[in-house]
Amino acid sequence: MPIVILVLLAILIGTLGFWEALGALIGAAALVALFWIVLAATIVFAIIWGLRRLGR
């Protein structure tokens, strides 16, 4: 599996250039991080909302 990732990375760098590929990888990592942050915030919001509804 890591060999496939390295080959894809080499193709990406060969096609776009190093800095564009680096920007694309950083953007993809930021997108994944943002997804998990939004998911965690949604879960926390749902728990707080559910606890308030149970308290009434």
Protein backbone atom coordinates (compact mmCIF):
# COMPACT_ATOMS: atom_id res chain seq x y z
CA MET A 1 0.00 0.00 0.00
CA PRO A 2 2.72 2.58 0.78
CA ILE A 3 4.31 1.86 -2.62
CA VAL A 4 1.06 2.81 -4.35
CA ILE A 5 0.92 6.06 -2.38
CA LEU A 6 4.52 6.86 -3.32
CA VAL A 7 3.84 6.17 -6.99
CA LEU A 8 0.74 8.39 -6.94
CA LEU A 9 2.72 11.12 -5.19
CA ALA A 10 5.49 10.88 -7.80
CA ILE A 11 2.92 11.14 -10.62
CA LEU A 12 1.31 14.16 -8.89
CA ILE A 13 4.64 15.93 -8.50
CA GLY A 14 5.65 15.08 -12.08
CA THR A 15 2.40 16.44 -13.45
CA LEU A 16 1.90 19.57 -11.37
CA GLY A 17 5.32 20.40 -9.98
CA PHE A 18 6.52 20.25 -6.41
CA TRP A 19 4.91 23.36 -4.94
CA GLU A 20 1.51 22.78 -6.52
CA ALA A 21 1.58 19.16 -5.34
CA LEU A 22 2.56 20.27 -1.84
CA GLY A 23 -0.32 22.75 -1.82
CA ALA A 24 -2.72 20.06 -2.96
CA LEU A 25 -1.56 17.67 -0.22
CA ILE A 26 -1.81 20.34 2.47
CA GLY A 27 -5.27 21.28 1.21
CA ALA A 28 -6.39 17.65 1.30
CA ALA A 29 -5.07 17.23 4.85
CA ALA A 30 -6.84 20.44 5.91
CA LEU A 31 -10.08 19.19 4.38
CA VAL A 32 -9.89 15.92 6.31
CA ALA A 33 -9.08 17.80 9.53
CA LEU A 34 -11.98 20.20 8.97
CA PHE A 35 -14.34 17.26 8.40
CA TRP A 36 -13.38 15.68 11.74
CA ILE A 37 -13.67 19.02 13.58
CA VAL A 38 -17.15 19.63 12.19
CA LEU A 39 -18.17 16.05 12.99
CA ALA A 40 -16.93 16.37 16.59
CA ALA A 41 -18.72 19.72 17.01
CA THR A 42 -21.94 18.20 15.67
CA ILE A 43 -21.72 15.28 18.10
CA VAL A 44 -21.07 17.61 21.04
CA PHE A 45 -23.99 19.83 19.99
CA ALA A 46 -26.30 16.81 19.70
CA ILE A 47 -25.28 15.54 23.14
CA ILE A 48 -25.83 18.94 24.76
CA TRP A 49 -29.17 19.34 22.99
CA GLY A 50 -30.25 15.84 24.05
CA LEU A 51 -29.28 16.43 27.69
CA ARG A 52 -31.24 19.68 27.77
CA ARG A 53 -34.31 17.92 26.36
CA LEU A 54 -34.05 15.17 28.96
CA GLY A 55 -33.75 17.73 31.74
CA ARG A 56 -37.12 19.29 31.01
